[in-house]
């Protein structure tokens, strides 16, 4: 199934756009291309297999991880508010700060100091 990011905004005004293919039956990724835009304090990143992005999936709730840390110190976490079981519209859980270098739910680490921006 192809999922398209729509209206994804971070707390610094930047955005995430793109899509991913995910098979909930065997929890595997297909093609994906997600771009986060730059803001005044931080640069954006492109997450795709061609860029060397590593992926991971965590359940309960469904959380997708796109890891560019070894490429440009970016690491994107998309946490959905429920299990993805079929086609439909799924909301992202907004990011919640937990102090320096750590957050819960949806957000993006944006540099080697582990500064982050949160999905609002």
PDB file of N, CA and C in Angstrom:
ATOM      1  N   UNK A   1       0.834  -1.175   0.000  1.00  0.00           N
ATOM      2  CA  UNK A   1       0.000   0.000   0.000  1.00  0.00           C
ATOM      3  C   UNK A   1       0.880   1.239   0.000  1.00  0.00           C
ATOM      4  N   UNK A   2       0.500   2.226  -0.802  1.00  0.00           N
ATOM      5  CA  UNK A   2       1.218   3.500  -0.823  1.00  0.00           C
ATOM      6  C   UNK A   2       0.535   4.465   0.138  1.00  0.00           C
ATOM      7  N   UNK A   3       1.349   5.054   1.014  1.00  0.00           N
ATOM      8  CA  UNK A   3       0.881   6.074   1.937  1.00  0.00           C
ATOM      9  C   UNK A   3       1.552   7.386   1.570  1.00  0.00           C
ATOM     10  N   UNK A   4       0.770   8.451   1.483  1.00  0.00           N
ATOM     11  CA  UNK A   4       1.276   9.766   1.110  1.00  0.00           C
ATOM     12  C   UNK A   4       1.171  10.698   2.309  1.00  0.00           C
ATOM     13  N   UNK A   5       2.270  11.384   2.603  1.00  0.00           N
ATOM     14  CA  UNK A   5       2.261  12.362   3.693  1.00  0.00           C
ATOM     15  C   UNK A   5       1.571  13.626   3.210  1.00  0.00           C
ATOM     16  N   UNK A   6       0.595  14.097   3.964  1.00  0.00           N
ATOM     17  CA  UNK A   6      -0.159  15.300   3.613  1.00  0.00           C
ATOM     18  C   UNK A   6      -0.265  16.186   4.840  1.00  0.00           C
ATOM     19  N   UNK A   7       0.141  17.442   4.717  1.00  0.00           N
ATOM     20  CA  UNK A   7      -0.012  18.404   5.806  1.00  0.00           C
ATOM     21  C   UNK A   7       0.883  18.143   7.007  1.00  0.00           C
ATOM     22  N   UNK A   8       2.032  17.511   6.805  1.00  0.00           N
ATOM     23  CA  UNK A   8       2.937  17.223   7.919  1.00  0.00           C
ATOM     24  C   UNK A   8       3.839  18.433   8.159  1.00  0.00           C
ATOM     25  N   UNK A   9       3.692  19.049   9.322  1.00  0.00           N
ATOM     26  CA  UNK A   9       4.428  20.261   9.666  1.00  0.00           C
ATOM     27  C   UNK A   9       5.170  20.055  10.986  1.00  0.00           C
ATOM     28  N   UNK A  10       6.383  20.599  11.046  1.00  0.00           N
ATOM     29  CA  UNK A  10       7.190  20.544  12.267  1.00  0.00           C
ATOM     30  C   UNK A  10       7.031  21.847  13.048  1.00  0.00           C
ATOM     31  N   UNK A  11       7.426  21.825  14.310  1.00  0.00           N
ATOM     32  CA  UNK A  11       7.266  23.002  15.173  1.00  0.00           C
ATOM     33  C   UNK A  11       8.165  24.177  14.787  1.00  0.00           C
ATOM     34  N   UNK A  12       9.110  23.991  13.861  1.00  0.00           N
ATOM     35  CA  UNK A  12       9.921  25.119  13.381  1.00  0.00           C
ATOM     36  C   UNK A  12       9.418  25.654  12.052  1.00  0.00           C
ATOM     37  N   UNK A  13       8.234  25.195  11.594  1.00  0.00           N
ATOM     38  CA  UNK A  13       7.632  25.667  10.360  1.00  0.00           C
ATOM     39  C   UNK A  13       8.017  24.860   9.124  1.00  0.00           C
ATOM     40  N   UNK A  14       8.955  23.950   9.240  1.00  0.00           N
ATOM     41  CA  UNK A  14       9.341  23.114   8.099  1.00  0.00           C
ATOM     42  C   UNK A  14       8.283  22.026   7.891  1.00  0.00           C
ATOM     43  N   UNK A  15       8.397  21.299   6.782  1.00  0.00           N
ATOM     44  CA  UNK A  15       7.404  20.300   6.437  1.00  0.00           C
ATOM     45  C   UNK A  15       8.059  18.988   6.019  1.00  0.00           C
ATOM     46  N   UNK A  16       7.267  17.948   5.974  1.00  0.00           N
ATOM     47  CA  UNK A  16       7.672  16.659   5.417  1.00  0.00           C
ATOM     48  C   UNK A  16       6.662  16.299   4.341  1.00  0.00           C
ATOM     49  N   UNK A  17       7.155  15.820   3.207  1.00  0.00           N
ATOM     50  CA  UNK A  17       6.272  15.406   2.122  1.00  0.00           C
ATOM     51  C   UNK A  17       6.847  14.159   1.475  1.00  0.00           C
ATOM     52  N   UNK A  18       6.024  13.477   0.727  1.00  0.00           N
ATOM     53  CA  UNK A  18       6.467  12.289   0.024  1.00  0.00           C
ATOM     54  C   UNK A  18       5.555  11.117   0.297  1.00  0.00           C
ATOM     55  N   UNK A  19       6.080   9.903   0.049  1.00  0.00           N
ATOM     56  CA  UNK A  19       5.259   8.718   0.214  1.00  0.00           C
ATOM     57  C   UNK A  19       6.128   7.514   0.561  1.00  0.00           C
ATOM     58  N   UNK A  20       5.448   6.474   1.013  1.00  0.00           N
ATOM     59  CA  UNK A  20       6.119   5.221   1.303  1.00  0.00           C
ATOM     60  C   UNK A  20       5.178   4.083   0.966  1.00  0.00           C
ATOM     61  N   UNK A  21       5.740   2.956   0.589  1.00  0.00           N
ATOM     62  CA  UNK A  21       4.965   1.745   0.379  1.00  0.00           C
ATOM     63  C   UNK A  21       5.280   0.820   1.539  1.00  0.00           C
ATOM     64  N   UNK A  22       4.221   0.307   2.162  1.00  0.00           N
ATOM     65  CA  UNK A  22       4.387  -0.561   3.322  1.00  0.00           C
ATOM     66  C   UNK A  22       3.404  -1.713   3.217  1.00  0.00           C
ATOM     67  N   UNK A  23       3.872  -2.909   3.512  1.00  0.00           N
ATOM     68  CA  UNK A  23       3.032  -4.090   3.531  1.00  0.00           C
ATOM     69  C   UNK A  23       2.795  -4.471   4.987  1.00  0.00           C
ATOM     70  N   UNK A  24       1.580  -4.222   5.514  1.00  0.00           N
ATOM     71  CA  UNK A  24       1.337  -4.520   6.922  1.00  0.00           C
ATOM     72  C   UNK A  24       1.312  -6.012   7.233  1.00  0.00           C
ATOM     73  N   UNK A  25       1.101  -6.852   6.229  1.00  0.00           N
ATOM     74  CA  UNK A  25       1.057  -8.295   6.462  1.00  0.00           C
ATOM     75  C   UNK A  25       2.402  -8.838   6.911  1.00  0.00           C
ATOM     76  N   UNK A  26       3.477  -8.400   6.225  1.00  0.00           N
ATOM     77  CA  UNK A  26       4.808  -8.887   6.603  1.00  0.00           C
ATOM     78  C   UNK A  26       5.728  -7.776   7.111  1.00  0.00           C
ATOM     79  N   UNK A  27       5.165  -6.585   7.295  1.00  0.00           N
ATOM     80  CA  UNK A  27       5.870  -5.433   7.861  1.00  0.00           C
ATOM     81  C   UNK A  27       7.148  -5.103   7.091  1.00  0.00           C
ATOM     82  N   UNK A  28       7.033  -5.014   5.774  1.00  0.00           N
ATOM     83  CA  UNK A  28       8.186  -4.658   4.943  1.00  0.00           C
ATOM     84  C   UNK A  28       7.905  -3.391   4.154  1.00  0.00           C
ATOM     85  N   UNK A  29       8.979  -2.668   3.873  1.00  0.00           N
ATOM     86  CA  UNK A  29       8.907  -1.461   3.063  1.00  0.00           C
ATOM     87  C   UNK A  29       9.114  -1.810   1.606  1.00  0.00           C
ATOM     88  N   UNK A  30       8.498  -1.035   0.750  1.00  0.00           N
ATOM     89  CA  UNK A  30       8.819  -1.023  -0.662  1.00  0.00           C
ATOM     90  C   UNK A  30       9.492   0.304  -0.927  1.00  0.00           C
ATOM     91  N   UNK A  31       9.183   0.917  -2.039  1.00  0.00           N
ATOM     92  CA  UNK A  31       9.762   2.213  -2.384  1.00  0.00           C
ATOM     93  C   UNK A  31       9.298   3.280  -1.396  1.00  0.00           C
ATOM     94  N   UNK A  32      10.179   4.226  -1.109  1.00  0.00           N
ATOM     95  CA  UNK A  32       9.795   5.376  -0.299  1.00  0.00           C
ATOM     96  C   UNK A  32      10.668   6.550  -0.691  1.00  0.00           C
ATOM     97  N   UNK A  33      10.099   7.721  -0.609  1.00  0.00           N
ATOM     98  CA  UNK A  33      10.818   8.962  -0.865  1.00  0.00           C
ATOM     99  C   UNK A  33      10.156  10.043  -0.024  1.00  0.00           C
ATOM    100  N   UNK A  34      10.830  10.469   1.022  1.00  0.00           N
ATOM    101  CA  UNK A  34      10.304  11.484   1.927  1.00  0.00           C
ATOM    102  C   UNK A  34      11.327  12.607   2.014  1.00  0.00           C
ATOM    103  N   UNK A  35      10.847  13.835   1.875  1.00  0.00           N
ATOM    104  CA  UNK A  35      11.724  15.003   1.922  1.00  0.00           C
ATOM    105  C   UNK A  35      11.258  15.907   3.052  1.00  0.00           C
ATOM    106  N   UNK A  36      12.194  16.293   3.924  1.00  0.00           N
ATOM    107  CA  UNK A  36      11.889  17.296   4.935  1.00  0.00           C
ATOM    108  C   UNK A  36      12.539  18.606   4.491  1.00  0.00           C
ATOM    109  N   UNK A  37      11.809  19.687   4.645  1.00  0.00           N
ATOM    110  CA  UNK A  37      12.317  20.986   4.194  1.00  0.00           C
ATOM    111  C   UNK A  37      13.230  21.606   5.251  1.00  0.00           C
ATOM    112  N   UNK A  38      13.993  22.578   4.810  1.00  0.00           N
ATOM    113  CA  UNK A  38      14.870  23.321   5.715  1.00  0.00           C
ATOM    114  C   UNK A  38      14.090  24.418   6.411  1.00  0.00           C
ATOM    115  N   UNK A  39      14.588  24.836   7.556  1.00  0.00           N
ATOM    116  CA  UNK A  39      14.058  25.994   8.281  1.00  0.00           C
ATOM    117  C   UNK A  39      15.252  26.880   8.616  1.00  0.00           C
ATOM    118  N   UNK A  40      15.019  27.977   9.289  1.00  0.00           N
ATOM    119  CA  UNK A  40      16.146  28.852   9.631  1.00  0.00           C
ATOM    120  C   UNK A  40      17.227  28.140  10.437  1.00  0.00           C
ATOM    121  N   UNK A  41      16.877  27.389  11.494  1.00  0.00           N
ATOM    122  CA  UNK A  41      17.975  26.774  12.244  1.00  0.00           C
ATOM    123  C   UNK A  41      18.486  25.448  11.673  1.00  0.00           C
ATOM    124  N   UNK A  42      17.677  24.731  10.868  1.00  0.00           N
ATOM    125  CA  UNK A  42      18.048  23.366  10.491  1.00  0.00           C
ATOM    126  C   UNK A  42      17.908  23.121   8.987  1.00  0.00           C
ATOM    127  N   UNK A  43      18.720  22.194   8.484  1.00  0.00           N
ATOM    128  CA  UNK A  43      18.586  21.763   7.096  1.00  0.00           C
ATOM    129  C   UNK A  43      17.597  20.609   7.030  1.00  0.00           C
ATOM    130  N   UNK A  44      17.051  20.404   5.858  1.00  0.00           N
ATOM    131  CA  UNK A  44      16.164  19.279   5.618  1.00  0.00           C
ATOM    132  C   UNK A  44      16.964  18.065   5.177  1.00  0.00           C
ATOM    133  N   UNK A  45      16.262  17.003   4.831  1.00  0.00           N
ATOM    134  CA  UNK A  45      16.912  15.768   4.403  1.00  0.00           C
ATOM    135  C   UNK A  45      16.014  15.041   3.411  1.00  0.00           C
ATOM    136  N   UNK A  46      16.623  14.189   2.605  1.00  0.00           N
ATOM    137  CA  UNK A  46      15.882  13.321   1.689  1.00  0.00           C
ATOM    138  C   UNK A  46      16.070  11.886   2.149  1.00  0.00           C
ATOM    139  N   UNK A  47      14.963  11.227   2.428  1.00  0.00           N
ATOM    140  CA  UNK A  47      14.976   9.839   2.881  1.00  0.00           C
ATOM    141  C   UNK A  47      14.515   8.957   1.733  1.00  0.00           C
ATOM    142  N   UNK A  48      15.407   8.139   1.208  1.00  0.00           N
ATOM    143  CA  UNK A  48      15.068   7.201   0.138  1.00  0.00           C
ATOM    144  C   UNK A  48      16.127   6.110   0.075  1.00  0.00           C
ATOM    145  N   UNK A  49      15.774   4.951  -0.477  1.00  0.00           N
ATOM    146  CA  UNK A  49      16.773   3.890  -0.602  1.00  0.00           C
ATOM    147  C   UNK A  49      17.991   4.343  -1.409  1.00  0.00           C
ATOM    148  N   UNK A  50      17.785   5.147  -2.438  1.00  0.00           N
ATOM    149  CA  UNK A  50      18.888   5.633  -3.268  1.00  0.00           C
ATOM    150  C   UNK A  50      19.849   6.543  -2.523  1.00  0.00           C
ATOM    151  N   UNK A  51      19.399   7.135  -1.433  1.00  0.00           N
ATOM    152  CA  UNK A  51      20.252   8.002  -0.617  1.00  0.00           C
ATOM    153  C   UNK A  51      20.948   7.196   0.483  1.00  0.00           C
ATOM    154  N   UNK A  52      20.611   5.920   0.607  1.00  0.00           N
ATOM    155  CA  UNK A  52      21.215   5.078   1.638  1.00  0.00           C
ATOM    156  C   UNK A  52      20.452   5.051   2.942  1.00  0.00           C
ATOM    157  N   UNK A  53      19.199   5.489   2.933  1.00  0.00           N
ATOM    158  CA  UNK A  53      18.393   5.525   4.150  1.00  0.00           C
ATOM    159  C   UNK A  53      18.112   4.120   4.667  1.00  0.00           C
ATOM    160  N   UNK A  54      18.380   3.901   5.940  1.00  0.00           N
ATOM    161  CA  UNK A  54      18.009   2.653   6.593  1.00  0.00           C
ATOM    162  C   UNK A  54      16.600   2.809   7.145  1.00  0.00           C
ATOM    163  N   UNK A  55      15.878   1.696   7.273  1.00  0.00           N
ATOM    164  CA  UNK A  55      14.506   1.754   7.771  1.00  0.00           C
ATOM    165  C   UNK A  55      14.322   0.772   8.910  1.00  0.00           C
ATOM    166  N   UNK A  56      13.278   1.040   9.686  1.00  0.00           N
ATOM    167  CA  UNK A  56      12.901   0.147  10.766  1.00  0.00           C
ATOM    168  C   UNK A  56      11.420   0.351  11.022  1.00  0.00           C
ATOM    169  N   UNK A  57      10.792  -0.619  11.617  1.00  0.00           N
ATOM    170  CA  UNK A  57       9.372  -0.568  11.927  1.00  0.00           C
ATOM    171  C   UNK A  57       9.190  -1.041  13.359  1.00  0.00           C
ATOM    172  N   UNK A  58       8.442  -0.279  14.135  1.00  0.00           N
ATOM    173  CA  UNK A  58       8.111  -0.673  15.501  1.00  0.00           C
ATOM    174  C   UNK A  58       6.596  -0.684  15.631  1.00  0.00           C
ATOM    175  N   UNK A  59       6.051  -1.670  16.287  1.00  0.00           N
ATOM    176  CA  UNK A  59       4.595  -1.739  16.419  1.00  0.00           C
ATOM    177  C   UNK A  59       4.125  -1.159  17.749  1.00  0.00           C
ATOM    178  N   UNK A  60       2.846  -0.927  17.834  1.00  0.00           N
ATOM    179  CA  UNK A  60       2.110  -0.552  19.029  1.00  0.00           C
ATOM    180  C   UNK A  60       2.534   0.777  19.661  1.00  0.00           C
ATOM    181  N   UNK A  61       2.180   1.934  19.171  1.00  0.00           N
ATOM    182  CA  UNK A  61       1.491   2.109  17.887  1.00  0.00           C
ATOM    183  C   UNK A  61       2.472   1.964  16.734  1.00  0.00           C
ATOM    184  N   UNK A  62       1.969   1.923  15.539  1.00  0.00           N
ATOM    185  CA  UNK A  62       2.839   1.768  14.372  1.00  0.00           C
ATOM    186  C   UNK A  62       3.787   2.943  14.268  1.00  0.00           C
ATOM    187  N   UNK A  63       5.066   2.656  14.211  1.00  0.00           N
ATOM    188  CA  UNK A  63       6.089   3.691  14.123  1.00  0.00           C
ATOM    189  C   UNK A  63       7.088   3.318  13.037  1.00  0.00           C
ATOM    190  N   UNK A  64       7.303   4.234  12.118  1.00  0.00           N
ATOM    191  CA  UNK A  64       8.242   4.042  11.024  1.00  0.00           C
ATOM    192  C   UNK A  64       9.475   4.891  11.292  1.00  0.00           C
ATOM    193  N   UNK A  65      10.637   4.323  11.110  1.00  0.00           N
ATOM    194  CA  UNK A  65      11.887   5.038  11.342  1.00  0.00           C
ATOM    195  C   UNK A  65      12.681   5.073  10.045  1.00  0.00           C
ATOM    196  N   UNK A  66      13.117   6.267   9.666  1.00  0.00           N
ATOM    197  CA  UNK A  66      13.946   6.474   8.484  1.00  0.00           C
ATOM    198  C   UNK A  66      15.263   7.062   8.972  1.00  0.00           C
ATOM    199  N   UNK A  67      16.331   6.332   8.788  1.00  0.00           N
ATOM    200  CA  UNK A  67      17.609   6.653   9.413  1.00  0.00           C
ATOM    201  C   UNK A  67      18.636   7.127   8.384  1.00  0.00           C
ATOM    202  N   UNK A  68      18.909   8.429   8.394  1.00  0.00           N
ATOM    203  CA  UNK A  68      19.966   9.036   7.580  1.00  0.00           C
ATOM    204  C   UNK A  68      21.119   9.509   8.452  1.00  0.00           C
ATOM    205  N   UNK A  69      21.179   9.042   9.692  1.00  0.00           N
ATOM    206  CA  UNK A  69      22.148   9.617  10.622  1.00  0.00           C
ATOM    207  C   UNK A  69      23.586   9.479  10.128  1.00  0.00           C
ATOM    208  N   UNK A  70      23.922   8.358   9.520  1.00  0.00           N
ATOM    209  CA  UNK A  70      25.289   8.187   9.025  1.00  0.00           C
ATOM    210  C   UNK A  70      25.548   8.989   7.750  1.00  0.00           C
ATOM    211  N   UNK A  71      24.490   9.539   7.151  1.00  0.00           N
ATOM    212  CA  UNK A  71      24.616  10.312   5.910  1.00  0.00           C
ATOM    213  C   UNK A  71      24.684  11.810   6.202  1.00  0.00           C
ATOM    214  N   UNK A  72      23.683  12.325   6.931  1.00  0.00           N
ATOM    215  CA  UNK A  72      23.629  13.769   7.184  1.00  0.00           C
ATOM    216  C   UNK A  72      23.124  14.116   8.587  1.00  0.00           C
ATOM    217  N   UNK A  73      23.212  13.165   9.511  1.00  0.00           N
ATOM    218  CA  UNK A  73      22.820  13.351  10.914  1.00  0.00           C
ATOM    219  C   UNK A  73      21.324  13.618  11.091  1.00  0.00           C
ATOM    220  N   UNK A  74      20.508  13.126  10.165  1.00  0.00           N
ATOM    221  CA  UNK A  74      19.056  13.228  10.281  1.00  0.00           C
ATOM    222  C   UNK A  74      18.473  11.847  10.555  1.00  0.00           C
ATOM    223  N   UNK A  75      17.332  11.838  11.282  1.00  0.00           N
ATOM    224  CA  UNK A  75      16.692  10.595  11.685  1.00  0.00           C
ATOM    225  C   UNK A  75      15.217  10.928  11.867  1.00  0.00           C
ATOM    226  N   UNK A  76      14.353  10.399  11.005  1.00  0.00           N
ATOM    227  CA  UNK A  76      12.936  10.744  10.998  1.00  0.00           C
ATOM    228  C   UNK A  76      12.113   9.629  11.628  1.00  0.00           C
ATOM    229  N   UNK A  77      11.230  10.014  12.547  1.00  0.00           N
ATOM    230  CA  UNK A  77      10.327   9.067  13.205  1.00  0.00           C
ATOM    231  C   UNK A  77       8.894   9.499  12.903  1.00  0.00           C
ATOM    232  N   UNK A  78       8.128   8.586  12.305  1.00  0.00           N
ATOM    233  CA  UNK A  78       6.708   8.835  12.040  1.00  0.00           C
ATOM    234  C   UNK A  78       5.901   7.822  12.842  1.00  0.00           C
ATOM    235  N   UNK A  79       5.227   8.288  13.882  1.00  0.00           N
ATOM    236  CA  UNK A  79       4.425   7.423  14.752  1.00  0.00           C
ATOM    237  C   UNK A  79       2.948   7.643  14.453  1.00  0.00           C
ATOM    238  N   UNK A  80       2.285   6.602  14.011  1.00  0.00           N
ATOM    239  CA  UNK A  80       0.867   6.702  13.670  1.00  0.00           C
ATOM    240  C   UNK A  80       0.001   6.380  14.878  1.00  0.00           C
ATOM    241  N   UNK A  81      -1.212   6.959  14.898  1.00  0.00           N
ATOM    242  CA  UNK A  81      -2.076   6.843  16.075  1.00  0.00           C
ATOM    243  C   UNK A  81      -2.772   5.487  16.182  1.00  0.00           C
ATOM    244  N   UNK A  82      -2.546   4.602  15.247  1.00  0.00           N
ATOM    245  CA  UNK A  82      -3.132   3.268  15.321  1.00  0.00           C
ATOM    246  C   UNK A  82      -2.405   2.319  14.405  1.00  0.00           C
ATOM    247  N   UNK A  83      -2.705   1.046  14.537  1.00  0.00           N
ATOM    248  CA  UNK A  83      -2.054   0.046  13.704  1.00  0.00           C
ATOM    249  C   UNK A  83      -2.500   0.183  12.253  1.00  0.00           C
ATOM    250  N   UNK A  84      -1.559   0.152  11.350  1.00  0.00           N
ATOM    251  CA  UNK A  84      -1.870   0.212   9.929  1.00  0.00           C
ATOM    252  C   UNK A  84      -2.177  -1.208   9.475  1.00  0.00           C
ATOM    253  N   UNK A  85      -3.441  -1.414   9.136  1.00  0.00           N
ATOM    254  CA  UNK A  85      -3.886  -2.753   8.758  1.00  0.00           C
ATOM    255  C   UNK A  85      -4.392  -2.818   7.324  1.00  0.00           C
ATOM    256  N   UNK A  86      -4.652  -1.674   6.719  1.00  0.00           N
ATOM    257  CA  UNK A  86      -5.170  -1.640   5.361  1.00  0.00           C
ATOM    258  C   UNK A  86      -5.210  -0.220   4.855  1.00  0.00           C
ATOM    259  N   UNK A  87      -5.728  -0.026   3.642  1.00  0.00           N
ATOM    260  CA  UNK A  87      -5.813   1.325   3.080  1.00  0.00           C
ATOM    261  C   UNK A  87      -6.663   2.227   3.977  1.00  0.00           C
ATOM    262  N   UNK A  88      -6.345   3.502   3.965  1.00  0.00           N
ATOM    263  CA  UNK A  88      -7.118   4.453   4.748  1.00  0.00           C
ATOM    264  C   UNK A  88      -6.311   5.674   5.096  1.00  0.00           C
ATOM    265  N   UNK A  89      -6.875   6.512   5.935  1.00  0.00           N
ATOM    266  CA  UNK A  89      -6.216   7.721   6.417  1.00  0.00           C
ATOM    267  C   UNK A  89      -5.770   7.455   7.848  1.00  0.00           C
ATOM    268  N   UNK A  90      -4.508   7.698   8.114  1.00  0.00           N
ATOM    269  CA  UNK A  90      -3.939   7.473   9.440  1.00  0.00           C
ATOM    270  C   UNK A  90      -3.290   8.765   9.918  1.00  0.00           C
ATOM    271  N   UNK A  91      -3.603   9.179  11.128  1.00  0.00           N
ATOM    272  CA  UNK A  91      -3.042  10.404  11.694  1.00  0.00           C
ATOM    273  C   UNK A  91      -1.700  10.108  12.347  1.00  0.00           C
ATOM    274  N   UNK A  92      -0.802  11.097  12.286  1.00  0.00           N
ATOM    275  CA  UNK A  92       0.467  10.998  13.000  1.00  0.00           C
ATOM    276  C   UNK A  92       0.283  11.491  14.427  1.00  0.00           C
ATOM    277  N   UNK A  93       0.932  10.824  15.362  1.00  0.00           N
ATOM    278  CA  UNK A  93       0.965  11.309  16.742  1.00  0.00           C
ATOM    279  C   UNK A  93       1.916  12.502  16.791  1.00  0.00           C
ATOM    280  N   UNK A  94       1.484  13.654  17.304  1.00  0.00           N
ATOM    281  CA  UNK A  94       2.402  14.798  17.415  1.00  0.00           C
ATOM    282  C   UNK A  94       3.601  14.470  18.305  1.00  0.00           C
ATOM    283  N   UNK A  95       4.724  15.078  17.997  1.00  0.00           N
ATOM    284  CA  UNK A  95       5.927  14.881  18.794  1.00  0.00           C
ATOM    285  C   UNK A  95       5.807  15.512  20.171  1.00  0.00           C
ATOM    286  N   UNK A  96       6.449  14.882  21.141  1.00  0.00           N
ATOM    287  CA  UNK A  96       6.443  15.368  22.519  1.00  0.00           C
ATOM    288  C   UNK A  96       7.894  15.460  22.984  1.00  0.00           C
ATOM    289  N   UNK A  97       8.344  16.648  23.424  1.00  0.00           N
ATOM    290  CA  UNK A  97       9.735  16.775  23.877  1.00  0.00           C
ATOM    291  C   UNK A  97       9.950  16.085  25.215  1.00  0.00           C
ATOM    292  N   UNK A  98      11.144  15.535  25.371  1.00  0.00           N
ATOM    293  CA  UNK A  98      11.519  14.930  26.654  1.00  0.00           C
ATOM    294  C   UNK A  98      12.900  15.413  27.063  1.00  0.00           C
ATOM    295  N   UNK A  99      13.179  16.671  26.780  1.00  0.00           N
ATOM    296  CA  UNK A  99      14.476  17.233  27.141  1.00  0.00           C
ATOM    297  C   UNK A  99      15.477  17.111  26.018  1.00  0.00           C
ATOM    298  N   UNK A 100      16.697  17.531  26.266  1.00  0.00           N
ATOM    299  CA  UNK A 100      17.728  17.489  25.237  1.00  0.00           C
ATOM    300  C   UNK A 100      17.932  16.069  24.711  1.00  0.00           C
ATOM    301  N   UNK A 101      18.015  15.954  23.420  1.00  0.00           N
ATOM    302  CA  UNK A 101      18.369  14.723  22.717  1.00  0.00           C
ATOM    303  C   UNK A 101      17.326  13.612  22.797  1.00  0.00           C
ATOM    304  N   UNK A 102      16.085  13.903  23.172  1.00  0.00           N
ATOM    305  CA  UNK A 102      15.085  12.840  23.219  1.00  0.00           C
ATOM    306  C   UNK A 102      13.660  13.382  23.071  1.00  0.00           C
ATOM    307  N   UNK A 103      12.865  12.671  22.289  1.00  0.00           N
ATOM    308  CA  UNK A 103      11.461  13.000  22.118  1.00  0.00           C
ATOM    309  C   UNK A 103      10.675  11.707  21.915  1.00  0.00           C
ATOM    310  N   UNK A 104       9.354  11.798  22.049  1.00  0.00           N
ATOM    311  CA  UNK A 104       8.470  10.665  21.785  1.00  0.00           C
ATOM    312  C   UNK A 104       7.580  10.996  20.603  1.00  0.00           C
ATOM    313  N   UNK A 105       7.052   9.970  19.974  1.00  0.00           N
ATOM    314  CA  UNK A 105       6.132  10.042  18.859  1.00  0.00           C
ATOM    315  C   UNK A 105       6.837  10.571  17.618  1.00  0.00           C
ATOM    316  N   UNK A 106       6.264  11.546  16.913  1.00  0.00           N
ATOM    317  CA  UNK A 106       6.771  11.927  15.589  1.00  0.00           C
ATOM    318  C   UNK A 106       7.701  13.130  15.639  1.00  0.00           C
ATOM    319  N   UNK A 107       8.840  13.016  14.971  1.00  0.00           N
ATOM    320  CA  UNK A 107       9.792  14.118  14.917  1.00  0.00           C
ATOM    321  C   UNK A 107      11.016  13.743  14.102  1.00  0.00           C
ATOM    322  N   UNK A 108      11.968  14.669  14.059  1.00  0.00           N
ATOM    323  CA  UNK A 108      13.181  14.450  13.278  1.00  0.00           C
ATOM    324  C   UNK A 108      14.392  14.981  14.035  1.00  0.00           C
ATOM    325  N   UNK A 109      15.375  14.112  14.267  1.00  0.00           N
ATOM    326  CA  UNK A 109      16.672  14.588  14.731  1.00  0.00           C
ATOM    327  C   UNK A 109      17.337  15.276  13.544  1.00  0.00           C
ATOM    328  N   UNK A 110      17.969  16.421  13.767  1.00  0.00           N
ATOM    329  CA  UNK A 110      18.428  17.241  12.639  1.00  0.00           C
ATOM    330  C   UNK A 110      19.919  17.545  12.637  1.00  0.00           C
ATOM    331  N   UNK A 111      20.676  17.049  13.611  1.00  0.00           N
ATOM    332  CA  UNK A 111      22.118  17.284  13.606  1.00  0.00           C
ATOM    333  C   UNK A 111      22.807  16.302  14.552  1.00  0.00           C
ATOM    334  N   UNK A 112      24.138  16.306  14.536  1.00  0.00           N
ATOM    335  CA  UNK A 112      24.873  15.341  15.350  1.00  0.00           C
ATOM    336  C   UNK A 112      24.757  15.614  16.849  1.00  0.00           C
ATOM    337  N   UNK A 113      24.292  16.805  17.237  1.00  0.00           N
ATOM    338  CA  UNK A 113      24.063  17.111  18.650  1.00  0.00           C
ATOM    339  C   UNK A 113      22.709  16.571  19.129  1.00  0.00           C
ATOM    340  N   UNK A 114      21.972  15.916  18.223  1.00  0.00           N
ATOM    341  CA  UNK A 114      20.650  15.362  18.495  1.00  0.00           C
ATOM    342  C   UNK A 114      19.612  16.432  18.816  1.00  0.00           C
ATOM    343  N   UNK A 115      19.785  17.625  18.222  1.00  0.00           N
ATOM    344  CA  UNK A 115      18.700  18.599  18.254  1.00  0.00           C
ATOM    345  C   UNK A 115      17.567  18.027  17.410  1.00  0.00           C
ATOM    346  N   UNK A 116      16.354  18.406  17.717  1.00  0.00           N
ATOM    347  CA  UNK A 116      15.235  17.827  16.996  1.00  0.00           C
ATOM    348  C   UNK A 116      14.142  18.860  16.778  1.00  0.00           C
ATOM    349  N   UNK A 117      13.274  18.524  15.830  1.00  0.00           N
ATOM    350  CA  UNK A 117      12.046  19.275  15.610  1.00  0.00           C
ATOM    351  C   UNK A 117      10.899  18.258  15.664  1.00  0.00           C
ATOM    352  N   UNK A 118       9.750  18.711  16.137  1.00  0.00           N
ATOM    353  CA  UNK A 118       8.633  17.816  16.410  1.00  0.00           C
ATOM    354  C   UNK A 118       7.507  18.020  15.404  1.00  0.00           C
ATOM    355  N   UNK A 119       6.877  16.923  14.998  1.00  0.00           N
ATOM    356  CA  UNK A 119       5.684  17.019  14.145  1.00  0.00           C
ATOM    357  C   UNK A 119       4.573  17.603  14.996  1.00  0.00           C
ATOM    358  N   UNK A 120       3.943  18.635  14.465  1.00  0.00           N
ATOM    359  CA  UNK A 120       2.810  19.248  15.154  1.00  0.00           C
ATOM    360  C   UNK A 120       1.521  18.782  14.526  1.00  0.00           C
TER     361      UNK A 120
END
